[in-house]
Amino acid sequence: MNCSELAQRIESLHPGEEAREVARLCLLLYNAAADPAQLADEQQLDELWRQVAARLEAARDQHAAMTEELESLAQSDLSRMSIDQVWVLIRAIKVQSQVLQLYLGEAPAPTV
């Protein structure tokens, strides 16, 4: 299945979806599929769709939480940064990395 065929399937399943969202879903679904042929099968497409939706929702939630923490951090005195504030920055980098991995189709990096 090629990208335009997948886009047509997405549009038939979700009529009225914005073109940008259809393109985003095509990318995420292709990246989630071990083999693009999986996307032609209705059941496999449905399963991949649920997996992608769950990962995307988790990434959005993590991103929102990190944004709040970073906004709070930005209002503090950065010349007296605590170890907890450094960990906030490290977690923010990790969350951004996970979001990027969704779109690039890379396997998640091992946790340390």
PDB file of N, CA and C in Angstrom:
ATOM      1  N   MET A   1       0.857  -1.173   0.000  1.00  0.00           N
ATOM      2  CA  MET A   1       0.000   0.000   0.000  1.00  0.00           C
ATOM      3  C   MET A   1       0.900   1.232   0.000  1.00  0.00           C
ATOM      4  N   ASN A   2       0.589   2.164  -0.893  1.00  0.00           N
ATOM      5  CA  ASN A   2       1.389   3.389  -0.918  1.00  0.00           C
ATOM      6  C   ASN A   2       0.714   4.477  -0.083  1.00  0.00           C
ATOM      7  N   CYS A   3       1.397   5.593   0.031  1.00  0.00           N
ATOM      8  CA  CYS A   3       0.930   6.664   0.920  1.00  0.00           C
ATOM      9  C   CYS A   3      -0.426   7.237   0.490  1.00  0.00           C
ATOM     10  N   SER A   4      -0.626   7.412  -0.812  1.00  0.00           N
ATOM     11  CA  SER A   4      -1.904   7.987  -1.249  1.00  0.00           C
ATOM     12  C   SER A   4      -3.057   7.020  -0.993  1.00  0.00           C
ATOM     13  N   GLU A   5      -2.814   5.716  -1.141  1.00  0.00           N
ATOM     14  CA  GLU A   5      -3.855   4.730  -0.829  1.00  0.00           C
ATOM     15  C   GLU A   5      -4.179   4.745   0.661  1.00  0.00           C
ATOM     16  N   LEU A   6      -3.138   4.838   1.482  1.00  0.00           N
ATOM     17  CA  LEU A   6      -3.358   4.903   2.929  1.00  0.00           C
ATOM     18  C   LEU A   6      -4.119   6.177   3.292  1.00  0.00           C
ATOM     19  N   ALA A   7      -3.761   7.288   2.668  1.00  0.00           N
ATOM     20  CA  ALA A   7      -4.460   8.552   2.931  1.00  0.00           C
ATOM     21  C   ALA A   7      -5.939   8.434   2.572  1.00  0.00           C
ATOM     22  N   GLN A   8      -6.240   7.776   1.460  1.00  0.00           N
ATOM     23  CA  GLN A   8      -7.636   7.577   1.066  1.00  0.00           C
ATOM     24  C   GLN A   8      -8.375   6.719   2.090  1.00  0.00           C
ATOM     25  N   ARG A   9      -7.708   5.691   2.609  1.00  0.00           N
ATOM     26  CA  ARG A   9      -8.343   4.843   3.630  1.00  0.00           C
ATOM     27  C   ARG A   9      -8.609   5.640   4.897  1.00  0.00           C
ATOM     28  N   ILE A  10      -7.637   6.448   5.293  1.00  0.00           N
ATOM     29  CA  ILE A  10      -7.809   7.276   6.496  1.00  0.00           C
ATOM     30  C   ILE A  10      -8.970   8.238   6.297  1.00  0.00           C
ATOM     31  N   GLU A  11      -9.025   8.875   5.129  1.00  0.00           N
ATOM     32  CA  GLU A  11     -10.109   9.823   4.847  1.00  0.00           C
ATOM     33  C   GLU A  11     -11.463   9.126   4.814  1.00  0.00           C
ATOM     34  N   SER A  12     -11.500   7.870   4.358  1.00  0.00           N
ATOM     35  CA  SER A  12     -12.786   7.157   4.345  1.00  0.00           C
ATOM     36  C   SER A  12     -13.203   6.758   5.761  1.00  0.00           C
ATOM     37  N   LEU A  13     -12.216   6.467   6.620  1.00  0.00           N
ATOM     38  CA  LEU A  13     -12.525   6.118   8.008  1.00  0.00           C
ATOM     39  C   LEU A  13     -12.858   7.350   8.847  1.00  0.00           C
ATOM     40  N   HIS A  14     -12.256   8.475   8.501  1.00  0.00           N
ATOM     41  CA  HIS A  14     -12.460   9.729   9.238  1.00  0.00           C
ATOM     42  C   HIS A  14     -12.725  10.864   8.251  1.00  0.00           C
ATOM     43  N   PRO A  15     -13.925  10.882   7.662  1.00  0.00           N
ATOM     44  CA  PRO A  15     -14.232  11.936   6.695  1.00  0.00           C
ATOM     45  C   PRO A  15     -14.143  13.318   7.344  1.00  0.00           C
ATOM     46  N   GLY A  16     -13.665  14.266   6.592  1.00  0.00           N
ATOM     47  CA  GLY A  16     -13.568  15.632   7.096  1.00  0.00           C
ATOM     48  C   GLY A  16     -12.285  15.913   7.854  1.00  0.00           C
ATOM     49  N   GLU A  17     -11.417  14.915   7.982  1.00  0.00           N
ATOM     50  CA  GLU A  17     -10.137  15.108   8.678  1.00  0.00           C
ATOM     51  C   GLU A  17      -9.279  16.084   7.869  1.00  0.00           C
ATOM     52  N   GLU A  18      -8.591  16.973   8.565  1.00  0.00           N
ATOM     53  CA  GLU A  18      -7.720  17.932   7.888  1.00  0.00           C
ATOM     54  C   GLU A  18      -6.592  17.208   7.167  1.00  0.00           C
ATOM     55  N   ALA A  19      -6.160  17.767   6.036  1.00  0.00           N
ATOM     56  CA  ALA A  19      -5.094  17.154   5.238  1.00  0.00           C
ATOM     57  C   ALA A  19      -3.821  16.972   6.056  1.00  0.00           C
ATOM     58  N   ARG A  20      -3.504  17.938   6.898  1.00  0.00           N
ATOM     59  CA  ARG A  20      -2.302  17.849   7.732  1.00  0.00           C
ATOM     60  C   ARG A  20      -2.386  16.651   8.677  1.00  0.00           C
ATOM     61  N   GLU A  21      -3.558  16.415   9.250  1.00  0.00           N
ATOM     62  CA  GLU A  21      -3.733  15.288  10.173  1.00  0.00           C
ATOM     63  C   GLU A  21      -3.664  13.962   9.420  1.00  0.00           C
ATOM     64  N   VAL A  22      -4.224  13.920   8.217  1.00  0.00           N
ATOM     65  CA  VAL A  22      -4.145  12.706   7.398  1.00  0.00           C
ATOM     66  C   VAL A  22      -2.681  12.396   7.080  1.00  0.00           C
ATOM     67  N   ALA A  23      -1.924  13.416   6.709  1.00  0.00           N
ATOM     68  CA  ALA A  23      -0.498  13.222   6.408  1.00  0.00           C
ATOM     69  C   ALA A  23       0.257  12.749   7.643  1.00  0.00           C
ATOM     70  N   ARG A  24      -0.044  13.340   8.782  1.00  0.00           N
ATOM     71  CA  ARG A  24       0.610  12.940  10.038  1.00  0.00           C
ATOM     72  C   ARG A  24       0.296  11.471  10.353  1.00  0.00           C
ATOM     73  N   LEU A  25      -0.962  11.087  10.201  1.00  0.00           N
ATOM     74  CA  LEU A  25      -1.355   9.701  10.468  1.00  0.00           C
ATOM     75  C   LEU A  25      -0.688   8.730   9.497  1.00  0.00           C
ATOM     76  N   CYS A  26      -0.570   9.131   8.233  1.00  0.00           N
ATOM     77  CA  CYS A  26       0.129   8.277   7.265  1.00  0.00           C
ATOM     78  C   CYS A  26       1.555   8.016   7.726  1.00  0.00           C
ATOM     79  N   LEU A  27       2.255   9.066   8.104  1.00  0.00           N
ATOM     80  CA  LEU A  27       3.637   8.928   8.560  1.00  0.00           C
ATOM     81  C   LEU A  27       3.727   8.037   9.796  1.00  0.00           C
ATOM     82  N   LEU A  28       2.883   8.304  10.783  1.00  0.00           N
ATOM     83  CA  LEU A  28       2.927   7.530  12.022  1.00  0.00           C
ATOM     84  C   LEU A  28       2.573   6.063  11.787  1.00  0.00           C
ATOM     85  N   LEU A  29       1.587   5.813  10.941  1.00  0.00           N
ATOM     86  CA  LEU A  29       1.192   4.429  10.664  1.00  0.00           C
ATOM     87  C   LEU A  29       2.274   3.686   9.884  1.00  0.00           C
ATOM     88  N   TYR A  30       2.864   4.352   8.896  1.00  0.00           N
ATOM     89  CA  TYR A  30       3.953   3.710   8.156  1.00  0.00           C
ATOM     90  C   TYR A  30       5.116   3.386   9.080  1.00  0.00           C
ATOM     91  N   ASN A  31       5.431   4.299   9.973  1.00  0.00           N
ATOM     92  CA  ASN A  31       6.536   4.066  10.906  1.00  0.00           C
ATOM     93  C   ASN A  31       6.226   2.949  11.895  1.00  0.00           C
ATOM     94  N   ALA A  32       4.962   2.773  12.236  1.00  0.00           N
ATOM     95  CA  ALA A  32       4.572   1.746  13.207  1.00  0.00           C
ATOM     96  C   ALA A  32       4.488   0.356  12.579  1.00  0.00           C
ATOM     97  N   ALA A  33       4.316   0.307  11.271  1.00  0.00           N
ATOM     98  CA  ALA A  33       4.151  -0.982  10.596  1.00  0.00           C
ATOM     99  C   ALA A  33       5.509  -1.644  10.362  1.00  0.00           C
ATOM    100  N   ALA A  34       5.609  -2.904  10.742  1.00  0.00           N
ATOM    101  CA  ALA A  34       6.834  -3.656  10.463  1.00  0.00           C
ATOM    102  C   ALA A  34       6.974  -3.849   8.954  1.00  0.00           C
ATOM    103  N   ASP A  35       5.830  -4.011   8.290  1.00  0.00           N
ATOM    104  CA  ASP A  35       5.785  -4.189   6.841  1.00  0.00           C
ATOM    105  C   ASP A  35       4.616  -3.348   6.322  1.00  0.00           C
ATOM    106  N   PRO A  36       4.855  -2.454   5.355  1.00  0.00           N
ATOM    107  CA  PRO A  36       3.760  -1.615   4.844  1.00  0.00           C
ATOM    108  C   PRO A  36       2.565  -2.413   4.323  1.00  0.00           C
ATOM    109  N   ALA A  37       2.776  -3.672   3.969  1.00  0.00           N
ATOM    110  CA  ALA A  37       1.662  -4.506   3.504  1.00  0.00           C
ATOM    111  C   ALA A  37       0.630  -4.718   4.607  1.00  0.00           C
ATOM    112  N   GLN A  38       1.061  -4.600   5.869  1.00  0.00           N
ATOM    113  CA  GLN A  38       0.126  -4.723   7.000  1.00  0.00           C
ATOM    114  C   GLN A  38      -1.001  -3.703   6.888  1.00  0.00           C
ATOM    115  N   LEU A  39      -0.693  -2.558   6.324  1.00  0.00           N
ATOM    116  CA  LEU A  39      -1.655  -1.465   6.276  1.00  0.00           C
ATOM    117  C   LEU A  39      -2.822  -1.753   5.339  1.00  0.00           C
ATOM    118  N   ALA A  40      -2.664  -2.729   4.453  1.00  0.00           N
ATOM    119  CA  ALA A  40      -3.744  -3.095   3.540  1.00  0.00           C
ATOM    120  C   ALA A  40      -4.787  -3.962   4.233  1.00  0.00           C
ATOM    121  N   ASP A  41      -4.391  -4.639   5.299  1.00  0.00           N
ATOM    122  CA  ASP A  41      -5.306  -5.502   6.046  1.00  0.00           C
ATOM    123  C   ASP A  41      -6.089  -4.663   7.051  1.00  0.00           C
ATOM    124  N   GLU A  42      -7.406  -4.762   6.986  1.00  0.00           N
ATOM    125  CA  GLU A  42      -8.292  -3.950   7.838  1.00  0.00           C
ATOM    126  C   GLU A  42      -8.000  -4.131   9.329  1.00  0.00           C
ATOM    127  N   GLN A  43      -7.861  -5.386   9.774  1.00  0.00           N
ATOM    128  CA  GLN A  43      -7.617  -5.652  11.198  1.00  0.00           C
ATOM    129  C   GLN A  43      -6.259  -5.124  11.644  1.00  0.00           C
ATOM    130  N   GLN A  44      -5.240  -5.361  10.833  1.00  0.00           N
ATOM    131  CA  GLN A  44      -3.901  -4.899  11.201  1.00  0.00           C
ATOM    132  C   GLN A  44      -3.832  -3.374  11.203  1.00  0.00           C
ATOM    133  N   LEU A  45      -4.494  -2.751  10.240  1.00  0.00           N
ATOM    134  CA  LEU A  45      -4.530  -1.289  10.209  1.00  0.00           C
ATOM    135  C   LEU A  45      -5.219  -0.759  11.459  1.00  0.00           C
ATOM    136  N   ASP A  46      -6.332  -1.388  11.829  1.00  0.00           N
ATOM    137  CA  ASP A  46      -7.062  -0.966  13.023  1.00  0.00           C
ATOM    138  C   ASP A  46      -6.198  -1.102  14.274  1.00  0.00           C
ATOM    139  N   GLU A  47      -5.473  -2.221  14.393  1.00  0.00           N
ATOM    140  CA  GLU A  47      -4.599  -2.444  15.552  1.00  0.00           C
ATOM    141  C   GLU A  47      -3.460  -1.420  15.581  1.00  0.00           C
ATOM    142  N   LEU A  48      -2.829  -1.194  14.432  1.00  0.00           N
ATOM    143  CA  LEU A  48      -1.754  -0.196  14.364  1.00  0.00           C
ATOM    144  C   LEU A  48      -2.288   1.191  14.703  1.00  0.00           C
ATOM    145  N   TRP A  49      -3.492   1.487  14.217  1.00  0.00           N
ATOM    146  CA  TRP A  49      -4.110   2.783  14.482  1.00  0.00           C
ATOM    147  C   TRP A  49      -4.263   2.990  15.988  1.00  0.00           C
ATOM    148  N   ARG A  50      -4.756   1.955  16.679  1.00  0.00           N
ATOM    149  CA  ARG A  50      -4.930   2.058  18.132  1.00  0.00           C
ATOM    150  C   ARG A  50      -3.590   2.235  18.843  1.00  0.00           C
ATOM    151  N   GLN A  51      -2.578   1.498  18.397  1.00  0.00           N
ATOM    152  CA  GLN A  51      -1.247   1.626  19.003  1.00  0.00           C
ATOM    153  C   GLN A  51      -0.680   3.029  18.804  1.00  0.00           C
ATOM    154  N   VAL A  52      -0.795   3.530  17.586  1.00  0.00           N
ATOM    155  CA  VAL A  52      -0.286   4.870  17.272  1.00  0.00           C
ATOM    156  C   VAL A  52      -1.044   5.919  18.070  1.00  0.00           C
ATOM    157  N   ALA A  53      -2.356   5.780  18.142  1.00  0.00           N
ATOM    158  CA  ALA A  53      -3.165   6.749  18.889  1.00  0.00           C
ATOM    159  C   ALA A  53      -2.775   6.762  20.363  1.00  0.00           C
ATOM    160  N   ALA A  54      -2.538   5.586  20.928  1.00  0.00           N
ATOM    161  CA  ALA A  54      -2.150   5.505  22.344  1.00  0.00           C
ATOM    162  C   ALA A  54      -0.779   6.141  22.571  1.00  0.00           C
ATOM    163  N   ARG A  55       0.177   5.841  21.694  1.00  0.00           N
ATOM    164  CA  ARG A  55       1.520   6.425  21.836  1.00  0.00           C
ATOM    165  C   ARG A  55       1.479   7.936  21.660  1.00  0.00           C
ATOM    166  N   LEU A  56       0.687   8.397  20.698  1.00  0.00           N
ATOM    167  CA  LEU A  56       0.589   9.831  20.450  1.00  0.00           C
ATOM    168  C   LEU A  56      -0.069  10.544  21.625  1.00  0.00           C
ATOM    169  N   GLU A  57      -1.107   9.944  22.186  1.00  0.00           N
ATOM    170  CA  GLU A  57      -1.783  10.537  23.345  1.00  0.00           C
ATOM    171  C   GLU A  57      -0.838  10.603  24.540  1.00  0.00           C
ATOM    172  N   ALA A  58      -0.087   9.534  24.761  1.00  0.00           N
ATOM    173  CA  ALA A  58       0.884   9.526  25.864  1.00  0.00           C
ATOM    174  C   ALA A  58       1.944  10.603  25.649  1.00  0.00           C
ATOM    175  N   ALA A  59       2.413  10.730  24.419  1.00  0.00           N
ATOM    176  CA  ALA A  59       3.425  11.749  24.116  1.00  0.00           C
ATOM    177  C   ALA A  59       2.858  13.152  24.326  1.00  0.00           C
ATOM    178  N   ARG A  60       1.612  13.359  23.922  1.00  0.00           N
ATOM    179  CA  ARG A  60       0.982  14.675  24.128  1.00  0.00           C
ATOM    180  C   ARG A  60       0.856  14.995  25.619  1.00  0.00           C
ATOM    181  N   ASP A  61       0.435  14.010  26.401  1.00  0.00           N
ATOM    182  CA  ASP A  61       0.299  14.216  27.847  1.00  0.00           C
ATOM    183  C   ASP A  61       1.644  14.530  28.490  1.00  0.00           C
ATOM    184  N   GLN A  62       2.666  13.753  28.119  1.00  0.00           N
ATOM    185  CA  GLN A  62       4.004  13.998  28.665  1.00  0.00           C
ATOM    186  C   GLN A  62       4.507  15.377  28.265  1.00  0.00           C
ATOM    187  N   HIS A  63       4.260  15.731  27.015  1.00  0.00           N
ATOM    188  CA  HIS A  63       4.715  17.034  26.524  1.00  0.00           C
ATOM    189  C   HIS A  63       4.026  18.169  27.277  1.00  0.00           C
ATOM    190  N   ALA A  64       2.736  18.041  27.508  1.00  0.00           N
ATOM    191  CA  ALA A  64       1.993  19.075  28.244  1.00  0.00           C
ATOM    192  C   ALA A  64       2.518  19.210  29.668  1.00  0.00           C
ATOM    193  N   ALA A  65       2.771  18.083  30.315  1.00  0.00           N
ATOM    194  CA  ALA A  65       3.292  18.122  31.687  1.00  0.00           C
ATOM    195  C   ALA A  65       4.677  18.759  31.722  1.00  0.00           C
ATOM    196  N   MET A  66       5.515  18.403  30.769  1.00  0.00           N
ATOM    197  CA  MET A  66       6.867  18.971  30.737  1.00  0.00           C
ATOM    198  C   MET A  66       6.825  20.465  30.427  1.00  0.00           C
ATOM    199  N   THR A  67       5.899  20.880  29.588  1.00  0.00           N
ATOM    200  CA  THR A  67       5.772  22.303  29.273  1.00  0.00           C
ATOM    201  C   THR A  67       5.463  23.096  30.532  1.00  0.00           C
ATOM    202  N   GLU A  68       4.558  22.569  31.355  1.00  0.00           N
ATOM    203  CA  GLU A  68       4.238  23.239  32.623  1.00  0.00           C
ATOM    204  C   GLU A  68       5.462  23.334  33.519  1.00  0.00           C
ATOM    205  N   GLU A  69       6.199  22.223  33.632  1.00  0.00           N
ATOM    206  CA  GLU A  69       7.390  22.229  34.484  1.00  0.00           C
ATOM    207  C   GLU A  69       8.441  23.203  33.957  1.00  0.00           C
ATOM    208  N   LEU A  70       8.613  23.245  32.639  1.00  0.00           N
ATOM    209  CA  LEU A  70       9.609  24.149  32.060  1.00  0.00           C
ATOM    210  C   LEU A  70       9.206  25.613  32.229  1.00  0.00           C
ATOM    211  N   GLU A  71       7.913  25.895  32.111  1.00  0.00           N
ATOM    212  CA  GLU A  71       7.450  27.269  32.327  1.00  0.00           C
ATOM    213  C   GLU A  71       7.706  27.698  33.764  1.00  0.00           C
ATOM    214  N   SER A  72       7.473  26.795  34.694  1.00  0.00           N
ATOM    215  CA  SER A  72       7.751  27.086  36.098  1.00  0.00           C
ATOM    216  C   SER A  72       9.248  27.286  36.313  1.00  0.00           C
ATOM    217  N   LEU A  73      10.043  26.442  35.697  1.00  0.00           N
ATOM    218  CA  LEU A  73      11.499  26.545  35.808  1.00  0.00           C
ATOM    219  C   LEU A  73      12.004  27.867  35.232  1.00  0.00           C
ATOM    220  N   ALA A  74      11.434  28.293  34.120  1.00  0.00           N
ATOM    221  CA  ALA A  74      11.864  29.533  33.467  1.00  0.00           C
ATOM    222  C   ALA A  74      11.617  30.757  34.342  1.00  0.00           C
ATOM    223  N   GLN A  75      10.667  30.661  35.251  1.00  0.00           N
ATOM    224  CA  GLN A  75      10.357  31.794  36.119  1.00  0.00           C
ATOM    225  C   GLN A  75      11.184  31.795  37.396  1.00  0.00           C
ATOM    226  N   SER A  76      12.008  30.766  37.579  1.00  0.00           N
ATOM    227  CA  SER A  76      12.830  30.704  38.792  1.00  0.00           C
ATOM    228  C   SER A  76      14.188  31.369  38.543  1.00  0.00           C
ATOM    229  N   ASP A  77      14.945  31.506  39.602  1.00  0.00           N
ATOM    230  CA  ASP A  77      16.282  32.096  39.522  1.00  0.00           C
ATOM    231  C   ASP A  77      17.245  31.033  38.997  1.00  0.00           C
ATOM    232  N   LEU A  78      17.569  31.124  37.715  1.00  0.00           N
ATOM    233  CA  LEU A  78      18.389  30.096  37.086  1.00  0.00           C
ATOM    234  C   LEU A  78      19.845  30.125  37.551  1.00  0.00           C
ATOM    235  N   SER A  79      20.260  31.213  38.188  1.00  0.00           N
ATOM    236  CA  SER A  79      21.636  31.255  38.691  1.00  0.00           C
ATOM    237  C   SER A  79      21.798  30.356  39.919  1.00  0.00           C
ATOM    238  N   ARG A  80      20.685  29.953  40.497  1.00  0.00           N
ATOM    239  CA  ARG A  80      20.711  29.053  41.665  1.00  0.00           C
ATOM    240  C   ARG A  80      19.967  27.759  41.346  1.00  0.00           C
ATOM    241  N   MET A  81      20.319  27.158  40.263  1.00  0.00           N
ATOM    242  CA  MET A  81      19.639  25.954  39.813  1.00  0.00           C
ATOM    243  C   MET A  81      19.921  24.779  40.742  1.00  0.00           C
ATOM    244  N   SER A  82      18.856  24.101  41.131  1.00  0.00           N
ATOM    245  CA  SER A  82      19.002  22.930  42.004  1.00  0.00           C
ATOM    246  C   SER A  82      19.135  21.672  41.144  1.00  0.00           C
ATOM    247  N   ILE A  83      19.500  20.591  41.775  1.00  0.00           N
ATOM    248  CA  ILE A  83      19.603  19.311  41.074  1.00  0.00           C
ATOM    249  C   ILE A  83      18.238  18.884  40.534  1.00  0.00           C
ATOM    250  N   ASP A  84      17.162  19.196  41.259  1.00  0.00           N
ATOM    251  CA  ASP A  84      15.813  18.871  40.777  1.00  0.00           C
ATOM    252  C   ASP A  84      15.502  19.617  39.483  1.00  0.00           C
ATOM    253  N   GLN A  85      15.950  20.857  39.396  1.00  0.00           N
ATOM    254  CA  GLN A  85      15.709  21.634  38.181  1.00  0.00           C
ATOM    255  C   GLN A  85      16.506  21.071  37.003  1.00  0.00           C
ATOM    256  N   VAL A  86      17.693  20.585  37.272  1.00  0.00           N
ATOM    257  CA  VAL A  86      18.485  19.947  36.217  1.00  0.00           C
ATOM    258  C   VAL A  86      17.757  18.697  35.722  1.00  0.00           C
ATOM    259  N   TRP A  87      17.175  17.928  36.653  1.00  0.00           N
ATOM    260  CA  TRP A  87      16.426  16.737  36.255  1.00  0.00           C
ATOM    261  C   TRP A  87      15.195  17.101  35.427  1.00  0.00           C
ATOM    262  N   VAL A  88      14.571  18.230  35.713  1.00  0.00           N
ATOM    263  CA  VAL A  88      13.439  18.694  34.894  1.00  0.00           C
ATOM    264  C   VAL A  88      13.907  18.890  33.456  1.00  0.00           C
ATOM    265  N   LEU A  89      15.056  19.510  33.293  1.00  0.00           N
ATOM    266  CA  LEU A  89      15.594  19.726  31.948  1.00  0.00           C
ATOM    267  C   LEU A  89      15.923  18.407  31.253  1.00  0.00           C
ATOM    268  N   ILE A  90      16.496  17.482  31.983  1.00  0.00           N
ATOM    269  CA  ILE A  90      16.834  16.179  31.402  1.00  0.00           C
ATOM    270  C   ILE A  90      15.572  15.435  30.974  1.00  0.00           C
ATOM    271  N   ARG A  91      14.536  15.465  31.812  1.00  0.00           N
ATOM    272  CA  ARG A  91      13.271  14.810  31.443  1.00  0.00           C
ATOM    273  C   ARG A  91      12.649  15.482  30.226  1.00  0.00           C
ATOM    274  N   ALA A  92      12.752  16.796  30.138  1.00  0.00           N
ATOM    275  CA  ALA A  92      12.196  17.516  28.988  1.00  0.00           C
ATOM    276  C   ALA A  92      12.888  17.083  27.698  1.00  0.00           C
ATOM    277  N   ILE A  93      14.188  16.920  27.762  1.00  0.00           N
ATOM    278  CA  ILE A  93      14.931  16.462  26.586  1.00  0.00           C
ATOM    279  C   ILE A  93      14.479  15.057  26.201  1.00  0.00           C
ATOM    280  N   LYS A  94      14.290  14.205  27.182  1.00  0.00           N
ATOM    281  CA  LYS A  94      13.857  12.828  26.922  1.00  0.00           C
ATOM    282  C   LYS A  94      12.458  12.806  26.290  1.00  0.00           C
ATOM    283  N   VAL A  95      11.549  13.627  26.788  1.00  0.00           N
ATOM    284  CA  VAL A  95      10.196  13.690  26.223  1.00  0.00           C
ATOM    285  C   VAL A  95      10.259  14.161  24.775  1.00  0.00           C
ATOM    286  N   GLN A  96      11.058  15.189  24.507  1.00  0.00           N
ATOM    287  CA  GLN A  96      11.193  15.677  23.133  1.00  0.00           C
ATOM    288  C   GLN A  96      11.759  14.583  22.230  1.00  0.00           C
ATOM    289  N   SER A  97      12.692  13.825  22.750  1.00  0.00           N
ATOM    290  CA  SER A  97      13.287  12.730  21.990  1.00  0.00           C
ATOM    291  C   SER A  97      12.238  11.671  21.652  1.00  0.00           C
ATOM    292  N   GLN A  98      11.370  11.355  22.603  1.00  0.00           N
ATOM    293  CA  GLN A  98      10.322  10.358  22.367  1.00  0.00           C
ATOM    294  C   GLN A  98       9.338  10.835  21.299  1.00  0.00           C
ATOM    295  N   VAL A  99       8.995  12.113  21.318  1.00  0.00           N
ATOM    296  CA  VAL A  99       8.090  12.659  20.306  1.00  0.00           C
ATOM    297  C   VAL A  99       8.749  12.567  18.935  1.00  0.00           C
ATOM    298  N   LEU A 100      10.015  12.924  18.861  1.00  0.00           N
ATOM    299  CA  LEU A 100      10.744  12.823  17.599  1.00  0.00           C
ATOM    300  C   LEU A 100      10.784  11.386  17.090  1.00  0.00           C
ATOM    301  N   GLN A 101      10.982  10.443  17.990  1.00  0.00           N
ATOM    302  CA  GLN A 101      11.039   9.037  17.599  1.00  0.00           C
ATOM    303  C   GLN A 101       9.724   8.577  16.976  1.00  0.00           C
ATOM    304  N   LEU A 102       8.610   9.102  17.451  1.00  0.00           N
ATOM    305  CA  LEU A 102       7.317   8.760  16.854  1.00  0.00           C
ATOM    306  C   LEU A 102       7.302   9.124  15.376  1.00  0.00           C
ATOM    307  N   TYR A 103       7.802  10.306  15.060  1.00  0.00           N
ATOM    308  CA  TYR A 103       7.744  10.801  13.695  1.00  0.00           C
ATOM    309  C   TYR A 103       8.855  10.266  12.811  1.00  0.00           C
ATOM    310  N   LEU A 104       9.982   9.918  13.404  1.00  0.00           N
ATOM    311  CA  LEU A 104      11.095   9.405  12.614  1.00  0.00           C
ATOM    312  C   LEU A 104      11.039   7.897  12.443  1.00  0.00           C
ATOM    313  N   GLY A 105      10.216   7.245  13.251  1.00  0.00           N
ATOM    314  CA  GLY A 105      10.076   5.807  13.141  1.00  0.00           C
ATOM    315  C   GLY A 105      11.228   5.037  13.737  1.00  0.00           C
ATOM    316  N   GLU A 106      11.952   5.656  14.636  1.00  0.00           N
ATOM    317  CA  GLU A 106      13.083   4.993  15.274  1.00  0.00           C
ATOM    318  C   GLU A 106      12.617   4.276  16.530  1.00  0.00           C
ATOM    319  N   ALA A 107      13.322   3.228  16.865  1.00  0.00           N
ATOM    320  CA  ALA A 107      13.028   2.504  18.107  1.00  0.00           C
ATOM    321  C   ALA A 107      13.393   3.392  19.282  1.00  0.00           C
ATOM    322  N   PRO A 108      12.625   3.327  20.362  1.00  0.00           N
ATOM    323  CA  PRO A 108      12.952   4.130  21.542  1.00  0.00           C
ATOM    324  C   PRO A 108      14.343   3.791  22.062  1.00  0.00           C
ATOM    325  N   ALA A 109      15.035   4.821  22.509  1.00  0.00           N
ATOM    326  CA  ALA A 109      16.363   4.619  23.086  1.00  0.00           C
ATOM    327  C   ALA A 109      16.224   3.904  24.415  1.00  0.00           C
ATOM    328  N   PRO A 110      17.187   3.058  24.757  1.00  0.00           N
ATOM    329  CA  PRO A 110      17.111   2.378  26.055  1.00  0.00           C
ATOM    330  C   PRO A 110      17.176   3.380  27.192  1.00  0.00           C
ATOM    331  N   THR A 111      16.441   3.097  28.259  1.00  0.00           N
ATOM    332  CA  THR A 111      16.459   3.991  29.412  1.00  0.00           C
ATOM    333  C   THR A 111      17.680   3.699  30.252  1.00  0.00           C
ATOM    334  N   VAL A 112      18.191   4.728  30.882  1.00  0.00           N
ATOM    335  CA  VAL A 112      19.404   4.594  31.685  1.00  0.00           C
ATOM    336  C   VAL A 112      19.050   4.535  33.144  1.00  0.00           C
TER     337      VAL A 112
END
